Amino acid sequence: MRELASVAPWRDKLAAAAGTRVSIEGAEWYYELLRSSCTQVDLWRTTYYHPLRPLAGGGNAVVEWFKGSGLRPFLEPLDDGERAAYLMRYSAAVNSAYPSLSDGTVLLPFPRLFIVAVR
């Protein structure tokens, strides 16, 4: 999303869109934040794989998934023609990054950081 938004012809209209995404810190940052006020801090990272069925065909299922969330700030400033062109290029990039399995399903990774802190 951000990579495509940083190039022409979308750069000017989408300059602010990348800034709307919330930055998530790494495990070290959260550990440092909590360790001085806790007796124990446990952290672990897990990646869940969400199978997206081929309702839209391959990586297009990923695009459809993100249209309702992460893509919204990138699509809203664009007119219909610009939006269609952006989605066409974004879909091509996503299809390359998320290849379909033999049944057309795409596994979308959802990495999560878990923290248990005890005072």
Protein backbone atom coordinates (compact mmCIF):
# COMPACT_ATOMS: atom_id res chain seq x y z
CA MET A 1 0.00 0.00 0.00
CA ARG A 2 2.59 2.51 1.15
CA GLU A 3 5.12 1.53 -1.50
CA LEU A 4 2.67 1.97 -4.36
CA ALA A 5 1.31 5.19 -2.83
CA SER A 6 4.82 6.69 -2.86
CA VAL A 7 5.18 6.65 -6.65
CA ALA A 8 3.57 8.56 -9.49
CA PRO A 9 0.79 9.11 -10.29
CA TRP A 10 -0.53 8.68 -6.71
CA ARG A 11 2.29 10.27 -4.72
CA ASP A 12 0.72 13.71 -4.28
CA LYS A 13 -2.80 12.53 -3.43
CA LEU A 14 -1.67 9.74 -1.10
CA ALA A 15 1.22 11.41 0.73
CA ALA A 16 -0.80 11.64 3.95
CA ALA A 17 -2.31 8.14 3.70
CA ALA A 18 0.83 6.29 4.83
CA GLY A 19 0.95 8.46 7.95
CA THR A 20 -2.49 7.29 9.04
CA ARG A 21 -1.22 3.78 9.77
CA VAL A 22 -0.40 3.25 13.44
CA SER A 23 3.20 2.29 14.08
CA ILE A 24 3.62 -0.84 16.18
CA GLU A 25 6.77 -1.13 18.23
CA GLY A 26 8.95 -4.23 18.45
CA ALA A 27 9.09 -6.69 21.33
CA GLU A 28 12.17 -5.01 22.80
CA TRP A 29 10.34 -1.70 23.16
CA TYR A 30 7.45 -3.27 25.08
CA TYR A 31 9.84 -5.26 27.26
CA GLU A 32 11.80 -2.13 28.16
CA LEU A 33 8.57 -0.29 28.90
CA LEU A 34 7.29 -2.96 31.30
CA ARG A 35 10.35 -4.51 32.93
CA SER A 36 11.02 -1.77 35.49
CA SER A 37 7.49 -1.94 36.91
CA CYS A 38 6.93 -5.71 36.67
CA THR A 39 8.41 -8.76 38.36
CA GLN A 40 8.04 -10.84 35.21
CA VAL A 41 7.50 -10.05 31.53
CA ASP A 42 6.87 -12.82 29.01
CA LEU A 43 6.71 -12.04 25.30
CA TRP A 44 6.19 -14.22 22.29
CA ARG A 45 5.34 -13.78 18.65
CA THR A 46 2.94 -16.02 16.76
CA THR A 47 1.86 -15.90 13.15
CA TYR A 48 -1.65 -17.06 12.36
CA TYR A 49 -2.40 -17.96 8.76
CA HIS A 50 -5.87 -16.96 7.63
CA PRO A 51 -6.96 -18.99 4.58
CA LEU A 52 -8.72 -16.69 2.14
CA ARG A 53 -10.90 -18.66 -0.23
CA PRO A 54 -10.77 -17.83 -3.90
CA LEU A 55 -13.94 -15.70 -3.90
CA ALA A 56 -12.09 -13.10 -5.92
CA GLY A 57 -9.36 -15.39 -7.23
CA GLY A 58 -5.95 -15.82 -5.64
CA GLY A 59 -4.33 -12.73 -4.20
CA ASN A 60 -7.41 -10.70 -5.10
CA ALA A 61 -8.99 -12.21 -1.98
CA VAL A 62 -6.24 -10.44 0.00
CA VAL A 63 -7.06 -7.16 -1.75
CA GLU A 64 -10.76 -7.59 -0.94
CA TRP A 65 -9.86 -8.34 2.70
CA PHE A 66 -7.89 -5.10 3.07
CA LYS A 67 -10.38 -2.88 1.23
CA GLY A 68 -12.38 -2.68 4.44
CA SER A 69 -9.43 -1.78 6.63
CA GLY A 70 -5.85 -0.88 5.67
CA LEU A 71 -6.60 0.18 2.11
CA ARG A 72 -9.33 2.65 3.04
CA PRO A 73 -7.05 5.69 3.63
CA PHE A 74 -5.33 4.95 0.32
CA LEU A 75 -8.53 4.60 -1.73
CA GLU A 76 -10.66 7.42 -0.29
CA PRO A 77 -8.64 10.35 -1.73
CA LEU A 78 -8.74 8.89 -5.26
CA ASP A 79 -11.41 9.41 -7.88
CA ASP A 80 -12.98 6.36 -9.55
CA GLY A 81 -10.43 6.13 -12.38
CA GLU A 82 -7.44 6.60 -10.09
CA ARG A 83 -8.86 4.07 -7.63
CA ALA A 84 -9.30 1.47 -10.36
CA ALA A 85 -5.74 2.01 -11.62
CA TYR A 86 -4.30 1.87 -8.08
CA LEU A 87 -6.20 -1.33 -7.31
CA MET A 88 -5.05 -2.93 -10.57
CA ARG A 89 -1.37 -2.28 -9.74
CA TYR A 90 -1.84 -3.19 -6.07
CA SER A 91 -3.59 -6.43 -7.03
CA ALA A 92 -0.73 -7.37 -9.35
CA ALA A 93 1.80 -6.79 -6.55
CA VAL A 94 -0.29 -8.74 -4.02
CA ASN A 95 -0.80 -11.64 -6.43
CA SER A 96 2.97 -11.82 -6.83
CA ALA A 97 3.59 -11.68 -3.06
CA TYR A 98 0.80 -14.11 -2.08
CA PRO A 99 0.74 -17.02 -4.51
CA SER A 100 -2.36 -19.18 -4.60
CA LEU A 101 -2.30 -22.76 -3.36
CA SER A 102 -3.51 -25.59 -5.60
CA ASP A 103 -7.18 -24.95 -4.69
CA GLY A 104 -6.91 -21.17 -5.23
CA THR A 105 -6.74 -20.37 -1.50
CA VAL A 106 -4.24 -17.78 -0.29
CA LEU A 107 -2.73 -18.00 3.19
CA LEU A 108 -2.63 -14.51 4.67
CA PRO A 109 -0.13 -14.29 7.56
CA PHE A 110 -1.25 -12.40 10.69
CA PRO A 111 1.77 -11.92 13.00
CA ARG A 112 0.85 -11.15 16.61
CA LEU A 113 2.94 -10.18 19.63
CA PHE A 114 1.65 -11.43 22.97
CA ILE A 115 2.71 -9.97 26.32
CA VAL A 116 2.01 -11.21 29.85
CA ALA A 117 3.30 -8.87 32.55
CA VAL A 118 3.13 -9.57 36.29
CA ARG A 119 3.52 -6.77 38.83
